[in-house]
């Protein structure tokens, strides 16, 4: 029997890029409907701004989400992720009527204790230490819909930041750069002046 791998250590460092992934419960395609994707992006924008987590890139797929994030302060990634997942889950539950036996997913969204789930419990962060790795993660995210056969061009997928990075088209989420100051840095400087 193979030995279990030790858990990875994640360093939640101020300004350090984090590539995060989380999936729908049991890989159900809850995000197959545009309204559910809109909910995920609205909460990414709202909670990212409120919790001071900059959004560098994202893609919302039918059964999972990737995002490249820049927390403004150490230790704020986990609380942000909890808010983003909890609040988007609450609204997706209401829209899809999850747990309702007559709804499309019926009782299959319930765990053994009878609780209804939208997301798998965990999210998976990955520290991004270099510009090369950041670009690699953006390209991976943006090409995800192409690899899944959903579109032929990354910019054709409305639910990613590809058009922002490749064509300069403003997305529904406030974005920040891979490097440089975060929006909150500028706000703090104006308040001090």
C-alpha atoms as a PDB file:
ATOM      1  CA  UNK A   1       0.000   0.000   0.000  1.00  0.00           C
ATOM      2  CA  UNK A   2       1.382   3.409  -0.992  1.00  0.00           C
ATOM      3  CA  UNK A   3       2.161   5.878   1.751  1.00  0.00           C
ATOM      4  CA  UNK A   4      -0.186   8.864   1.984  1.00  0.00           C
ATOM      5  CA  UNK A   5       1.225  12.105   0.685  1.00  0.00           C
ATOM      6  CA  UNK A   6       1.765  14.742   3.346  1.00  0.00           C
ATOM      7  CA  UNK A   7      -0.581  17.716   3.088  1.00  0.00           C
ATOM      8  CA  UNK A   8       0.711  20.651   1.053  1.00  0.00           C
ATOM      9  CA  UNK A   9       1.523  23.805   2.947  1.00  0.00           C
ATOM     10  CA  UNK A  10      -0.211  26.871   1.555  1.00  0.00           C
ATOM     11  CA  UNK A  11       1.298  30.251   2.295  1.00  0.00           C
ATOM     12  CA  UNK A  12      -1.349  32.971   2.307  1.00  0.00           C
ATOM     13  CA  UNK A  13       0.998  35.936   1.890  1.00  0.00           C
ATOM     14  CA  UNK A  14       0.007  39.543   1.207  1.00  0.00           C
ATOM     15  CA  UNK A  15      -0.068  40.159  -2.543  1.00  0.00           C
ATOM     16  CA  UNK A  16       0.981  36.552  -3.310  1.00  0.00           C
ATOM     17  CA  UNK A  17      -1.015  35.118  -6.188  1.00  0.00           C
ATOM     18  CA  UNK A  18      -3.196  32.124  -5.395  1.00  0.00           C
ATOM     19  CA  UNK A  19      -4.679  29.838  -8.045  1.00  0.00           C
ATOM     20  CA  UNK A  20      -7.817  28.308  -6.529  1.00  0.00           C
ATOM     21  CA  UNK A  21     -10.129  25.573  -7.755  1.00  0.00           C
ATOM     22  CA  UNK A  22     -13.395  24.297  -6.348  1.00  0.00           C
ATOM     23  CA  UNK A  23     -16.002  21.938  -7.752  1.00  0.00           C
ATOM     24  CA  UNK A  24     -19.708  21.347  -7.667  1.00  0.00           C
ATOM     25  CA  UNK A  25     -20.932  18.664  -5.274  1.00  0.00           C
ATOM     26  CA  UNK A  26     -20.414  15.216  -6.804  1.00  0.00           C
ATOM     27  CA  UNK A  27     -19.323  16.962 -10.045  1.00  0.00           C
ATOM     28  CA  UNK A  28     -22.947  17.834 -10.859  1.00  0.00           C
ATOM     29  CA  UNK A  29     -23.165  20.492 -13.543  1.00  0.00           C
ATOM     30  CA  UNK A  30     -24.987  23.082 -11.414  1.00  0.00           C
ATOM     31  CA  UNK A  31     -23.186  25.813 -13.345  1.00  0.00           C
ATOM     32  CA  UNK A  32     -24.542  24.645 -16.684  1.00  0.00           C
ATOM     33  CA  UNK A  33     -27.151  27.395 -16.543  1.00  0.00           C
ATOM     34  CA  UNK A  34     -26.042  30.930 -17.285  1.00  0.00           C
ATOM     35  CA  UNK A  35     -27.899  32.321 -14.257  1.00  0.00           C
ATOM     36  CA  UNK A  36     -25.793  30.101 -11.954  1.00  0.00           C
ATOM     37  CA  UNK A  37     -22.586  31.312 -13.605  1.00  0.00           C
ATOM     38  CA  UNK A  38     -23.782  34.903 -13.138  1.00  0.00           C
ATOM     39  CA  UNK A  39     -24.359  34.201  -9.441  1.00  0.00           C
ATOM     40  CA  UNK A  40     -20.815  32.860  -9.025  1.00  0.00           C
ATOM     41  CA  UNK A  41     -19.289  35.893 -10.754  1.00  0.00           C
ATOM     42  CA  UNK A  42     -21.466  38.396  -8.874  1.00  0.00           C
ATOM     43  CA  UNK A  43     -20.300  36.933  -5.563  1.00  0.00           C
ATOM     44  CA  UNK A  44     -16.676  36.773  -6.732  1.00  0.00           C
ATOM     45  CA  UNK A  45     -16.863  40.492  -7.465  1.00  0.00           C
ATOM     46  CA  UNK A  46     -18.779  41.442  -4.317  1.00  0.00           C
ATOM     47  CA  UNK A  47     -16.786  39.440  -1.787  1.00  0.00           C
ATOM     48  CA  UNK A  48     -13.466  39.941  -3.539  1.00  0.00           C
ATOM     49  CA  UNK A  49     -13.902  43.697  -3.312  1.00  0.00           C
ATOM     50  CA  UNK A  50     -15.239  43.643   0.248  1.00  0.00           C
ATOM     51  CA  UNK A  51     -12.591  41.232   1.557  1.00  0.00           C
ATOM     52  CA  UNK A  52      -9.751  42.909  -0.379  1.00  0.00           C
ATOM     53  CA  UNK A  53      -8.933  39.952  -2.587  1.00  0.00           C
ATOM     54  CA  UNK A  54      -7.956  41.080  -6.073  1.00  0.00           C
ATOM     55  CA  UNK A  55      -9.190  39.054  -9.029  1.00  0.00           C
ATOM     56  CA  UNK A  56      -6.528  38.505 -11.706  1.00  0.00           C
ATOM     57  CA  UNK A  57      -8.412  35.895 -13.720  1.00  0.00           C
ATOM     58  CA  UNK A  58     -11.225  33.363 -13.570  1.00  0.00           C
ATOM     59  CA  UNK A  59     -13.218  30.786 -15.474  1.00  0.00           C
ATOM     60  CA  UNK A  60     -16.581  29.301 -14.515  1.00  0.00           C
ATOM     61  CA  UNK A  61     -17.107  25.864 -16.030  1.00  0.00           C
ATOM     62  CA  UNK A  62     -20.307  23.763 -15.813  1.00  0.00           C
ATOM     63  CA  UNK A  63     -18.990  21.764 -12.829  1.00  0.00           C
ATOM     64  CA  UNK A  64     -16.060  23.729 -11.371  1.00  0.00           C
ATOM     65  CA  UNK A  65     -14.454  27.146 -10.952  1.00  0.00           C
ATOM     66  CA  UNK A  66     -10.856  28.373 -11.248  1.00  0.00           C
ATOM     67  CA  UNK A  67      -9.643  31.787 -10.126  1.00  0.00           C
ATOM     68  CA  UNK A  68      -6.287  33.523  -9.904  1.00  0.00           C
ATOM     69  CA  UNK A  69      -6.461  35.779  -6.843  1.00  0.00           C
ATOM     70  CA  UNK A  70      -4.278  38.371  -5.065  1.00  0.00           C
ATOM     71  CA  UNK A  71      -5.160  38.723  -1.379  1.00  0.00           C
ATOM     72  CA  UNK A  72      -4.280  42.230  -0.132  1.00  0.00           C
ATOM     73  CA  UNK A  73      -3.489  40.979   3.371  1.00  0.00           C
ATOM     74  CA  UNK A  74      -2.095  37.753   4.800  1.00  0.00           C
ATOM     75  CA  UNK A  75      -4.706  35.316   6.059  1.00  0.00           C
ATOM     76  CA  UNK A  76      -7.668  36.681   4.097  1.00  0.00           C
ATOM     77  CA  UNK A  77      -7.914  33.966   1.405  1.00  0.00           C
ATOM     78  CA  UNK A  78      -9.720  31.378   3.526  1.00  0.00           C
ATOM     79  CA  UNK A  79     -12.394  33.753   4.918  1.00  0.00           C
ATOM     80  CA  UNK A  80     -12.937  35.112   1.403  1.00  0.00           C
ATOM     81  CA  UNK A  81     -13.355  31.616  -0.042  1.00  0.00           C
ATOM     82  CA  UNK A  82     -15.829  30.697   2.704  1.00  0.00           C
ATOM     83  CA  UNK A  83     -17.936  33.780   1.931  1.00  0.00           C
ATOM     84  CA  UNK A  84     -17.759  33.308  -1.840  1.00  0.00           C
ATOM     85  CA  UNK A  85     -18.753  29.647  -1.687  1.00  0.00           C
ATOM     86  CA  UNK A  86     -21.404  30.054   1.033  1.00  0.00           C
ATOM     87  CA  UNK A  87     -23.189  33.028  -0.511  1.00  0.00           C
ATOM     88  CA  UNK A  88     -23.073  31.761  -4.093  1.00  0.00           C
ATOM     89  CA  UNK A  89     -24.297  28.378  -2.845  1.00  0.00           C
ATOM     90  CA  UNK A  90     -27.245  29.969  -1.070  1.00  0.00           C
ATOM     91  CA  UNK A  91     -28.364  31.753  -4.240  1.00  0.00           C
ATOM     92  CA  UNK A  92     -27.769  28.748  -6.518  1.00  0.00           C
ATOM     93  CA  UNK A  93     -29.781  26.570  -4.089  1.00  0.00           C
ATOM     94  CA  UNK A  94     -32.695  28.984  -4.338  1.00  0.00           C
ATOM     95  CA  UNK A  95     -32.502  29.288  -8.131  1.00  0.00           C
ATOM     96  CA  UNK A  96     -32.199  25.544  -8.847  1.00  0.00           C
ATOM     97  CA  UNK A  97     -34.374  24.501  -5.883  1.00  0.00           C
ATOM     98  CA  UNK A  98     -31.652  22.075  -4.816  1.00  0.00           C
ATOM     99  CA  UNK A  99     -32.889  19.311  -2.564  1.00  0.00           C
ATOM    100  CA  UNK A 100     -36.436  19.602  -3.890  1.00  0.00           C
ATOM    101  CA  UNK A 101     -37.423  16.129  -5.088  1.00  0.00           C
ATOM    102  CA  UNK A 102     -39.144  17.610  -8.154  1.00  0.00           C
ATOM    103  CA  UNK A 103     -36.100  19.703  -9.141  1.00  0.00           C
ATOM    104  CA  UNK A 104     -33.652  18.467 -11.827  1.00  0.00           C
ATOM    105  CA  UNK A 105     -31.040  17.225  -9.330  1.00  0.00           C
ATOM    106  CA  UNK A 106     -33.623  15.950  -6.838  1.00  0.00           C
ATOM    107  CA  UNK A 107     -32.404  14.311  -3.666  1.00  0.00           C
ATOM    108  CA  UNK A 108     -29.010  13.425  -5.195  1.00  0.00           C
ATOM    109  CA  UNK A 109     -27.599  16.676  -3.786  1.00  0.00           C
ATOM    110  CA  UNK A 110     -28.084  15.435  -0.217  1.00  0.00           C
ATOM    111  CA  UNK A 111     -25.310  13.829   1.804  1.00  0.00           C
ATOM    112  CA  UNK A 112     -25.798  10.878   4.160  1.00  0.00           C
ATOM    113  CA  UNK A 113     -26.979  13.250   6.911  1.00  0.00           C
ATOM    114  CA  UNK A 114     -29.575  14.793   4.573  1.00  0.00           C
ATOM    115  CA  UNK A 115     -27.800  18.130   4.108  1.00  0.00           C
ATOM    116  CA  UNK A 116     -28.068  19.762   0.672  1.00  0.00           C
ATOM    117  CA  UNK A 117     -24.808  20.757  -1.023  1.00  0.00           C
ATOM    118  CA  UNK A 118     -23.856  22.916  -3.968  1.00  0.00           C
ATOM    119  CA  UNK A 119     -20.048  22.761  -3.632  1.00  0.00           C
ATOM    120  CA  UNK A 120     -17.627  20.072  -2.560  1.00  0.00           C
ATOM    121  CA  UNK A 121     -16.360  20.883   0.910  1.00  0.00           C
ATOM    122  CA  UNK A 122     -12.809  21.924   0.044  1.00  0.00           C
ATOM    123  CA  UNK A 123     -11.162  24.333  -2.300  1.00  0.00           C
ATOM    124  CA  UNK A 124      -7.670  23.786  -3.652  1.00  0.00           C
ATOM    125  CA  UNK A 125      -5.218  26.709  -3.513  1.00  0.00           C
ATOM    126  CA  UNK A 126      -1.884  26.762  -5.271  1.00  0.00           C
ATOM    127  CA  UNK A 127       0.749  29.420  -4.564  1.00  0.00           C
ATOM    128  CA  UNK A 128       1.935  31.167  -7.724  1.00  0.00           C
ATOM    129  CA  UNK A 129       5.464  32.493  -7.217  1.00  0.00           C
ATOM    130  CA  UNK A 130       6.495  33.814 -10.622  1.00  0.00           C
ATOM    131  CA  UNK A 131       5.199  35.767 -13.597  1.00  0.00           C
ATOM    132  CA  UNK A 132       5.819  32.715 -15.793  1.00  0.00           C
ATOM    133  CA  UNK A 133       3.623  30.539 -13.541  1.00  0.00           C
ATOM    134  CA  UNK A 134       0.912  33.250 -13.360  1.00  0.00           C
ATOM    135  CA  UNK A 135       0.705  33.417 -17.154  1.00  0.00           C
ATOM    136  CA  UNK A 136       0.682  29.619 -17.307  1.00  0.00           C
ATOM    137  CA  UNK A 137      -2.287  29.510 -14.889  1.00  0.00           C
ATOM    138  CA  UNK A 138      -4.184  32.207 -16.835  1.00  0.00           C
ATOM    139  CA  UNK A 139      -3.659  30.303 -20.087  1.00  0.00           C
ATOM    140  CA  UNK A 140      -4.713  27.039 -18.432  1.00  0.00           C
ATOM    141  CA  UNK A 141      -7.911  28.648 -17.102  1.00  0.00           C
ATOM    142  CA  UNK A 142      -8.792  30.434 -20.308  1.00  0.00           C
ATOM    143  CA  UNK A 143      -8.228  27.319 -22.439  1.00  0.00           C
ATOM    144  CA  UNK A 144     -10.333  25.118 -20.156  1.00  0.00           C
ATOM    145  CA  UNK A 145     -13.591  25.680 -22.149  1.00  0.00           C
ATOM    146  CA  UNK A 146     -11.716  24.900 -25.388  1.00  0.00           C
ATOM    147  CA  UNK A 147     -10.317  21.635 -23.943  1.00  0.00           C
ATOM    148  CA  UNK A 148     -13.840  20.697 -22.792  1.00  0.00           C
ATOM    149  CA  UNK A 149     -15.216  21.279 -26.309  1.00  0.00           C
ATOM    150  CA  UNK A 150     -17.519  24.118 -25.205  1.00  0.00           C
ATOM    151  CA  UNK A 151     -15.993  26.713 -27.575  1.00  0.00           C
ATOM    152  CA  UNK A 152     -13.248  26.862 -30.209  1.00  0.00           C
ATOM    153  CA  UNK A 153     -11.688  30.115 -28.986  1.00  0.00           C
ATOM    154  CA  UNK A 154     -11.118  31.057 -25.309  1.00  0.00           C
ATOM    155  CA  UNK A 155     -12.581  34.515 -25.966  1.00  0.00           C
ATOM    156  CA  UNK A 156     -15.870  32.933 -27.069  1.00  0.00           C
ATOM    157  CA  UNK A 157     -16.517  31.688 -23.489  1.00  0.00           C
ATOM    158  CA  UNK A 158     -18.382  34.515 -21.747  1.00  0.00           C
ATOM    159  CA  UNK A 159     -17.678  33.092 -18.305  1.00  0.00           C
ATOM    160  CA  UNK A 160     -13.941  33.738 -18.127  1.00  0.00           C
ATOM    161  CA  UNK A 161     -11.537  36.649 -18.042  1.00  0.00           C
ATOM    162  CA  UNK A 162     -10.015  35.665 -21.423  1.00  0.00           C
ATOM    163  CA  UNK A 163     -11.636  38.585 -23.278  1.00  0.00           C
ATOM    164  CA  UNK A 164     -10.282  40.990 -20.666  1.00  0.00           C
ATOM    165  CA  UNK A 165      -6.709  39.744 -21.022  1.00  0.00           C
ATOM    166  CA  UNK A 166      -6.719  39.170 -24.790  1.00  0.00           C
ATOM    167  CA  UNK A 167      -9.060  41.881 -26.103  1.00  0.00           C
ATOM    168  CA  UNK A 168      -9.341  44.447 -23.306  1.00  0.00           C
ATOM    169  CA  UNK A 169     -13.097  43.884 -22.894  1.00  0.00           C
ATOM    170  CA  UNK A 170     -14.318  44.755 -19.400  1.00  0.00           C
ATOM    171  CA  UNK A 171     -15.694  41.683 -17.547  1.00  0.00           C
ATOM    172  CA  UNK A 172     -18.476  41.636 -14.925  1.00  0.00           C
ATOM    173  CA  UNK A 173     -15.820  41.306 -12.198  1.00  0.00           C
ATOM    174  CA  UNK A 174     -13.461  44.103 -11.113  1.00  0.00           C
ATOM    175  CA  UNK A 175      -9.982  42.976 -12.103  1.00  0.00           C
ATOM    176  CA  UNK A 176      -6.454  43.707 -10.920  1.00  0.00           C
ATOM    177  CA  UNK A 177      -3.067  43.111 -12.487  1.00  0.00           C
ATOM    178  CA  UNK A 178      -0.666  40.269 -11.864  1.00  0.00           C
ATOM    179  CA  UNK A 179       1.739  42.793 -10.368  1.00  0.00           C
ATOM    180  CA  UNK A 180       1.626  46.366  -9.123  1.00  0.00           C
ATOM    181  CA  UNK A 181      -0.654  48.102  -6.695  1.00  0.00           C
ATOM    182  CA  UNK A 182      -4.060  46.774  -5.755  1.00  0.00           C
ATOM    183  CA  UNK A 183      -7.145  49.026  -5.902  1.00  0.00           C
ATOM    184  CA  UNK A 184      -7.150  49.290  -2.104  1.00  0.00           C
ATOM    185  CA  UNK A 185      -3.572  50.637  -2.145  1.00  0.00           C
ATOM    186  CA  UNK A 186      -4.737  53.628  -4.217  1.00  0.00           C
ATOM    187  CA  UNK A 187      -7.802  54.171  -1.991  1.00  0.00           C
ATOM    188  CA  UNK A 188      -5.641  54.198   1.136  1.00  0.00           C
ATOM    189  CA  UNK A 189      -3.213  56.714  -0.412  1.00  0.00           C
ATOM    190  CA  UNK A 190      -6.086  59.045  -1.387  1.00  0.00           C
ATOM    191  CA  UNK A 191      -7.550  58.843   2.123  1.00  0.00           C
ATOM    192  CA  UNK A 192      -4.179  59.798   3.660  1.00  0.00           C
ATOM    193  CA  UNK A 193      -3.682  62.816   1.355  1.00  0.00           C
END
